[in-house]
Structure formats: structure tokens, C-alpha cells
PDB file of N, CA and C in Angstrom:
ATOM      1  N   MET A   1      43.905  -6.393   9.214  1.00  0.00           N
ATOM      2  CA  MET A   1      44.477  -7.205  10.276  1.00  0.00           C
ATOM      3  C   MET A   1      43.428  -8.211  10.730  1.00  0.00           C
ATOM      4  N   ILE A   2      43.825  -9.446  10.840  1.00  0.00           N
ATOM      5  CA  ILE A   2      42.971 -10.515  11.330  1.00  0.00           C
ATOM      6  C   ILE A   2      43.687 -11.157  12.515  1.00  0.00           C
ATOM      7  N   ILE A   3      42.960 -11.365  13.631  1.00  0.00           N
ATOM      8  CA  ILE A   3      43.606 -11.994  14.779  1.00  0.00           C
ATOM      9  C   ILE A   3      43.577 -13.510  14.624  1.00  0.00           C
ATOM     10  N   THR A   4      44.534 -14.138  15.245  1.00  0.00           N
ATOM     11  CA  THR A   4      44.668 -15.595  15.145  1.00  0.00           C
ATOM     12  C   THR A   4      43.639 -16.281  16.043  1.00  0.00           C
ATOM     13  N   PRO A   5      43.354 -17.553  15.764  1.00  0.00           N
ATOM     14  CA  PRO A   5      42.415 -18.288  16.615  1.00  0.00           C
ATOM     15  C   PRO A   5      42.833 -18.301  18.098  1.00  0.00           C
ATOM     16  N   GLU A   6      44.137 -18.341  18.343  1.00  0.00           N
ATOM     17  CA  GLU A   6      44.616 -18.347  19.729  1.00  0.00           C
ATOM     18  C   GLU A   6      44.282 -17.028  20.422  1.00  0.00           C
ATOM     19  N   HIS A   7      44.419 -15.931  19.705  1.00  0.00           N
ATOM     20  CA  HIS A   7      44.147 -14.620  20.290  1.00  0.00           C
ATOM     21  C   HIS A   7      42.659 -14.377  20.524  1.00  0.00           C
ATOM     22  N   ARG A   8      41.821 -15.094  19.785  1.00  0.00           N
ATOM     23  CA  ARG A   8      40.370 -14.918  19.942  1.00  0.00           C
ATOM     24  C   ARG A   8      39.891 -15.309  21.333  1.00  0.00           C
ATOM     25  N   GLN A   9      40.647 -16.139  22.019  1.00  0.00           N
ATOM     26  CA  GLN A   9      40.255 -16.582  23.354  1.00  0.00           C
ATOM     27  C   GLN A   9      41.019 -15.861  24.460  1.00  0.00           C
ATOM     28  N   SER A  10      41.836 -14.893  24.097  1.00  0.00           N
ATOM     29  CA  SER A  10      42.614 -14.176  25.109  1.00  0.00           C
ATOM     30  C   SER A  10      41.706 -13.244  25.917  1.00  0.00           C
ATOM     31  N   ALA A  11      42.087 -13.015  27.152  1.00  0.00           N
ATOM     32  CA  ALA A  11      41.304 -12.143  28.032  1.00  0.00           C
ATOM     33  C   ALA A  11      41.198 -10.731  27.466  1.00  0.00           C
ATOM     34  N   GLY A  12      42.284 -10.253  26.896  1.00  0.00           N
ATOM     35  CA  GLY A  12      42.277  -8.905  26.329  1.00  0.00           C
ATOM     36  C   GLY A  12      41.282  -8.762  25.194  1.00  0.00           C
ATOM     37  N   TRP A  13      41.310  -9.725  24.262  1.00  0.00           N
ATOM     38  CA  TRP A  13      40.385  -9.653  23.141  1.00  0.00           C
ATOM     39  C   TRP A  13      38.941  -9.792  23.612  1.00  0.00           C
ATOM     40  N   LEU A  14      38.688 -10.685  24.558  1.00  0.00           N
ATOM     41  CA  LEU A  14      37.318 -10.867  25.038  1.00  0.00           C
ATOM     42  C   LEU A  14      36.785  -9.589  25.691  1.00  0.00           C
ATOM     43  N   LEU A  15      37.647  -8.850  26.382  1.00  0.00           N
ATOM     44  CA  LEU A  15      37.236  -7.564  26.952  1.00  0.00           C
ATOM     45  C   LEU A  15      36.927  -6.551  25.858  1.00  0.00           C
ATOM     46  N   VAL A  16      37.796  -6.464  24.879  1.00  0.00           N
ATOM     47  CA  VAL A  16      37.593  -5.521  23.767  1.00  0.00           C
ATOM     48  C   VAL A  16      36.319  -5.883  23.006  1.00  0.00           C
ATOM     49  N   LYS A  17      36.142  -7.162  22.724  1.00  0.00           N
ATOM     50  CA  LYS A  17      34.966  -7.622  21.988  1.00  0.00           C
ATOM     51  C   LYS A  17      33.681  -7.318  22.764  1.00  0.00           C
ATOM     52  N   GLY A  18      33.705  -7.549  24.059  1.00  0.00           N
ATOM     53  CA  GLY A  18      32.538  -7.247  24.885  1.00  0.00           C
ATOM     54  C   GLY A  18      32.200  -5.766  24.878  1.00  0.00           C
ATOM     55  N   TYR A  19      33.227  -4.943  25.014  1.00  0.00           N
ATOM     56  CA  TYR A  19      33.021  -3.496  24.992  1.00  0.00           C
ATOM     57  C   TYR A  19      32.443  -3.054  23.645  1.00  0.00           C
ATOM     58  N   ALA A  20      33.047  -3.512  22.555  1.00  0.00           N
ATOM     59  CA  ALA A  20      32.618  -3.096  21.224  1.00  0.00           C
ATOM     60  C   ALA A  20      31.191  -3.561  20.932  1.00  0.00           C
ATOM     61  N   THR A  21      30.847  -4.746  21.390  1.00  0.00           N
ATOM     62  CA  THR A  21      29.498  -5.268  21.191  1.00  0.00           C
ATOM     63  C   THR A  21      28.475  -4.427  21.943  1.00  0.00           C
ATOM     64  N   ARG A  22      28.768  -4.116  23.203  1.00  0.00           N
ATOM     65  CA  ARG A  22      27.855  -3.268  23.994  1.00  0.00           C
ATOM     66  C   ARG A  22      27.743  -1.880  23.388  1.00  0.00           C
ATOM     67  N   ARG A  23      28.858  -1.357  22.925  1.00  0.00           N
ATOM     68  CA  ARG A  23      28.867  -0.019  22.328  1.00  0.00           C
ATOM     69  C   ARG A  23      28.028   0.005  21.054  1.00  0.00           C
ATOM     70  N   CYS A  24      28.061  -1.052  20.253  1.00  0.00           N
ATOM     71  CA  CYS A  24      27.223  -1.132  19.054  1.00  0.00           C
ATOM     72  C   CYS A  24      25.742  -1.068  19.424  1.00  0.00           C
ATOM     73  N   VAL A  25      25.361  -1.775  20.468  1.00  0.00           N
ATOM     74  CA  VAL A  25      23.972  -1.754  20.923  1.00  0.00           C
ATOM     75  C   VAL A  25      23.579  -0.340  21.348  1.00  0.00           C
ATOM     76  N   GLU A  26      24.445   0.325  22.103  1.00  0.00           N
ATOM     77  CA  GLU A  26      24.173   1.692  22.542  1.00  0.00           C
ATOM     78  C   GLU A  26      24.039   2.640  21.359  1.00  0.00           C
ATOM     79  N   LEU A  27      24.938   2.518  20.399  1.00  0.00           N
ATOM     80  CA  LEU A  27      24.920   3.412  19.242  1.00  0.00           C
ATOM     81  C   LEU A  27      23.689   3.180  18.370  1.00  0.00           C
ATOM     82  N   ARG A  28      23.303   1.917  18.196  1.00  0.00           N
ATOM     83  CA  ARG A  28      22.090   1.629  17.417  1.00  0.00           C
ATOM     84  C   ARG A  28      20.856   2.202  18.104  1.00  0.00           C
ATOM     85  N   ALA A  29      20.807   2.080  19.422  1.00  0.00           N
ATOM     86  CA  ALA A  29      19.687   2.646  20.177  1.00  0.00           C
ATOM     87  C   ALA A  29      19.663   4.167  20.032  1.00  0.00           C
ATOM     88  N   ARG A  30      20.828   4.768  20.059  1.00  0.00           N
ATOM     89  CA  ARG A  30      20.917   6.228  19.905  1.00  0.00           C
ATOM     90  C   ARG A  30      20.398   6.670  18.542  1.00  0.00           C
ATOM     91  N   LEU A  31      20.688   5.877  17.511  1.00  0.00           N
ATOM     92  CA  LEU A  31      20.223   6.212  16.166  1.00  0.00           C
ATOM     93  C   LEU A  31      18.697   6.158  16.047  1.00  0.00           C
ATOM     94  N   GLU A  32      18.050   5.434  16.948  1.00  0.00           N
ATOM     95  CA  GLU A  32      16.587   5.353  16.945  1.00  0.00           C
ATOM     96  C   GLU A  32      15.942   6.650  17.438  1.00  0.00           C
ATOM     97  N   GLY A  33      16.714   7.457  18.162  1.00  0.00           N
ATOM     98  CA  GLY A  33      16.183   8.687  18.735  1.00  0.00           C
ATOM     99  C   GLY A  33      16.270   9.859  17.780  1.00  0.00           C
ATOM    100  N   GLU A  34      15.889  11.010  18.313  1.00  0.00           N
ATOM    101  CA  GLU A  34      15.942  12.255  17.541  1.00  0.00           C
ATOM    102  C   GLU A  34      17.333  12.854  17.652  1.00  0.00           C
ATOM    103  N   LEU A  35      18.065  12.821  16.568  1.00  0.00           N
ATOM    104  CA  LEU A  35      19.414  13.382  16.528  1.00  0.00           C
ATOM    105  C   LEU A  35      19.500  14.432  15.432  1.00  0.00           C
ATOM    106  N   SER A  36      20.361  15.386  15.653  1.00  0.00           N
ATOM    107  CA  SER A  36      20.630  16.354  14.596  1.00  0.00           C
ATOM    108  C   SER A  36      21.392  15.641  13.484  1.00  0.00           C
ATOM    109  N   HIS A  37      21.471  16.277  12.347  1.00  0.00           N
ATOM    110  CA  HIS A  37      22.202  15.685  11.217  1.00  0.00           C
ATOM    111  C   HIS A  37      23.657  15.405  11.614  1.00  0.00           C
ATOM    112  N   GLU A  38      24.262  16.366  12.300  1.00  0.00           N
ATOM    113  CA  GLU A  38      25.665  16.217  12.716  1.00  0.00           C
ATOM    114  C   GLU A  38      25.837  15.068  13.712  1.00  0.00           C
ATOM    115  N   GLU A  39      24.927  14.966  14.677  1.00  0.00           N
ATOM    116  CA  GLU A  39      25.013  13.880  15.664  1.00  0.00           C
ATOM    117  C   GLU A  39      24.773  12.519  15.012  1.00  0.00           C
ATOM    118  N   THR A  40      23.900  12.478  14.015  1.00  0.00           N
ATOM    119  CA  THR A  40      23.654  11.231  13.285  1.00  0.00           C
ATOM    120  C   THR A  40      24.921  10.783  12.577  1.00  0.00           C
ATOM    121  N   ILE A  41      25.598  11.718  11.936  1.00  0.00           N
ATOM    122  CA  ILE A  41      26.844  11.398  11.229  1.00  0.00           C
ATOM    123  C   ILE A  41      27.895  10.878  12.209  1.00  0.00           C
ATOM    124  N   LYS A  42      28.040  11.542  13.346  1.00  0.00           N
ATOM    125  CA  LYS A  42      29.025  11.115  14.352  1.00  0.00           C
ATOM    126  C   LYS A  42      28.692   9.736  14.904  1.00  0.00           C
ATOM    127  N   THR A  43      27.413   9.493  15.152  1.00  0.00           N
ATOM    128  CA  THR A  43      26.999   8.204  15.708  1.00  0.00           C
ATOM    129  C   THR A  43      27.225   7.087  14.705  1.00  0.00           C
ATOM    130  N   ARG A  44      26.893   7.333  13.452  1.00  0.00           N
ATOM    131  CA  ARG A  44      27.129   6.325  12.408  1.00  0.00           C
ATOM    132  C   ARG A  44      28.611   6.034  12.242  1.00  0.00           C
ATOM    133  N   ALA A  45      29.441   7.059  12.330  1.00  0.00           N
ATOM    134  CA  ALA A  45      30.888   6.867  12.218  1.00  0.00           C
ATOM    135  C   ALA A  45      31.406   6.024  13.383  1.00  0.00           C
ATOM    136  N   ALA A  46      30.919   6.296  14.587  1.00  0.00           N
ATOM    137  CA  ALA A  46      31.333   5.520  15.756  1.00  0.00           C
ATOM    138  C   ALA A  46      30.894   4.062  15.610  1.00  0.00           C
ATOM    139  N   LEU A  47      29.688   3.843  15.103  1.00  0.00           N
ATOM    140  CA  LEU A  47      29.192   2.489  14.891  1.00  0.00           C
ATOM    141  C   LEU A  47      30.047   1.759  13.858  1.00  0.00           C
ATOM    142  N   ARG A  48      30.409   2.455  12.784  1.00  0.00           N
ATOM    143  CA  ARG A  48      31.290   1.867  11.767  1.00  0.00           C
ATOM    144  C   ARG A  48      32.623   1.444  12.365  1.00  0.00           C
ATOM    145  N   GLU A  49      33.178   2.281  13.238  1.00  0.00           N
ATOM    146  CA  GLU A  49      34.460   1.958  13.873  1.00  0.00           C
ATOM    147  C   GLU A  49      34.347   0.713  14.752  1.00  0.00           C
ATOM    148  N   MET A  50      33.261   0.588  15.503  1.00  0.00           N
ATOM    149  CA  MET A  50      33.076  -0.587  16.350  1.00  0.00           C
ATOM    150  C   MET A  50      32.916  -1.841  15.499  1.00  0.00           C
ATOM    151  N   LYS A  51      32.183  -1.738  14.404  1.00  0.00           N
ATOM    152  CA  LYS A  51      32.016  -2.883  13.501  1.00  0.00           C
ATOM    153  C   LYS A  51      33.352  -3.273  12.874  1.00  0.00           C
ATOM    154  N   LEU A  52      34.145  -2.278  12.517  1.00  0.00           N
ATOM    155  CA  LEU A  52      35.468  -2.547  11.956  1.00  0.00           C
ATOM    156  C   LEU A  52      36.345  -3.262  12.972  1.00  0.00           C
ATOM    157  N   LEU A  53      36.299  -2.812  14.205  1.00  0.00           N
ATOM    158  CA  LEU A  53      37.066  -3.459  15.269  1.00  0.00           C
ATOM    159  C   LEU A  53      36.628  -4.907  15.447  1.00  0.00           C
ATOM    160  N   LEU A  54      35.331  -5.152  15.463  1.00  0.00           N
ATOM    161  CA  LEU A  54      34.831  -6.518  15.616  1.00  0.00           C
ATOM    162  C   LEU A  54      35.152  -7.393  14.407  1.00  0.00           C
ATOM    163  N   SER A  55      35.309  -6.786  13.243  1.00  0.00           N
ATOM    164  CA  SER A  55      35.542  -7.570  12.029  1.00  0.00           C
ATOM    165  C   SER A  55      36.919  -8.220  11.991  1.00  0.00           C
ATOM    166  N   ILE A  56      37.855  -7.781  12.822  1.00  0.00           N
ATOM    167  CA  ILE A  56      39.183  -8.403  12.774  1.00  0.00           C
ATOM    168  C   ILE A  56      39.163  -9.825  13.311  1.00  0.00           C
ATOM    169  N   GLU A  57      38.066 -10.205  13.948  1.00  0.00           N
ATOM    170  CA  GLU A  57      37.955 -11.566  14.463  1.00  0.00           C
ATOM    171  C   GLU A  57      37.599 -12.554  13.352  1.00  0.00           C
ATOM    172  N   LYS A  58      36.940 -12.087  12.321  1.00  0.00           N
ATOM    173  CA  LYS A  58      36.477 -12.976  11.260  1.00  0.00           C
ATOM    174  C   LYS A  58      37.598 -13.270  10.276  1.00  0.00           C
ATOM    175  N   PRO A  59      37.752 -14.532   9.912  1.00  0.00           N
ATOM    176  CA  PRO A  59      38.795 -14.859   8.923  1.00  0.00           C
ATOM    177  C   PRO A  59      38.440 -14.263   7.570  1.00  0.00           C
ATOM    178  N   GLU A  60      39.455 -13.967   6.820  1.00  0.00           N
ATOM    179  CA  GLU A  60      39.235 -13.424   5.485  1.00  0.00           C
ATOM    180  C   GLU A  60      38.500 -14.458   4.638  1.00  0.00           C
ATOM    181  N   GLN A  61      37.608 -13.962   3.809  1.00  0.00           N
ATOM    182  CA  GLN A  61      36.884 -14.866   2.928  1.00  0.00           C
ATOM    183  C   GLN A  61      37.822 -15.403   1.865  1.00  0.00           C
ATOM    184  N   GLU A  62      37.641 -16.663   1.591  1.00  0.00           N
ATOM    185  CA  GLU A  62      38.439 -17.266   0.533  1.00  0.00           C
ATOM    186  C   GLU A  62      37.618 -17.241  -0.743  1.00  0.00           C
ATOM    187  N   PHE A  63      38.209 -16.784  -1.794  1.00  0.00           N
ATOM    188  CA  PHE A  63      37.513 -16.694  -3.063  1.00  0.00           C
ATOM    189  C   PHE A  63      37.974 -17.826  -3.967  1.00  0.00           C
ATOM    190  N   GLU A  64      37.029 -18.467  -4.584  1.00  0.00           N
ATOM    191  CA  GLU A  64      37.340 -19.549  -5.501  1.00  0.00           C
ATOM    192  C   GLU A  64      37.472 -18.942  -6.895  1.00  0.00           C
ATOM    193  N   ILE A  65      38.554 -19.229  -7.533  1.00  0.00           N
ATOM    194  CA  ILE A  65      38.785 -18.705  -8.866  1.00  0.00           C
ATOM    195  C   ILE A  65      38.503 -19.807  -9.880  1.00  0.00           C
ATOM    196  N   ASN A  66      37.535 -19.548 -10.721  1.00  0.00           N
ATOM    197  CA  ASN A  66      37.208 -20.522 -11.776  1.00  0.00           C
ATOM    198  C   ASN A  66      37.976 -20.144 -13.044  1.00  0.00           C
ATOM    199  N   GLU A  67      38.783 -21.046 -13.494  1.00  0.00           N
ATOM    200  CA  GLU A  67      39.572 -20.772 -14.697  1.00  0.00           C
ATOM    201  C   GLU A  67      39.076 -21.610 -15.842  1.00  0.00           C
TER     202      GLU A  67
END
């Protein structure tokens, strides 16, 4: 799913984007600390989810096909 340019400026998206961005910073900081193997896995999974959420703002890459 990719959001449209119009939706990128909506109040709802800006709130979600702000939250996800702050959460990524928190999760990265947490990974710098001493975590158990299980907590590391959970933190990395949460970080992946936030990155996935933020990625819907980026337009799909266009691939050039050379024939």
C-alpha cells in the first residue's frame, strides 16, 4: 500500500509518521543497551514494523526495462 501525495499532508498521516519516527529512535536506542536474546528479537521486530509503516509514504520504485 502506498499513500497518495494528498494523504501525505493529512493531519492523521502526520501524527502517525511522527509517532513512528519517534518510536524508531526509541527502539534503536534500546538496541544499544543490554538486552536478552528474546528482547533483542522483539525490539528488532518492532523496529521493522515501524519502518514498514513509514515506507508506505515512499512511491514505488520504477524499474527501467532494457529490451
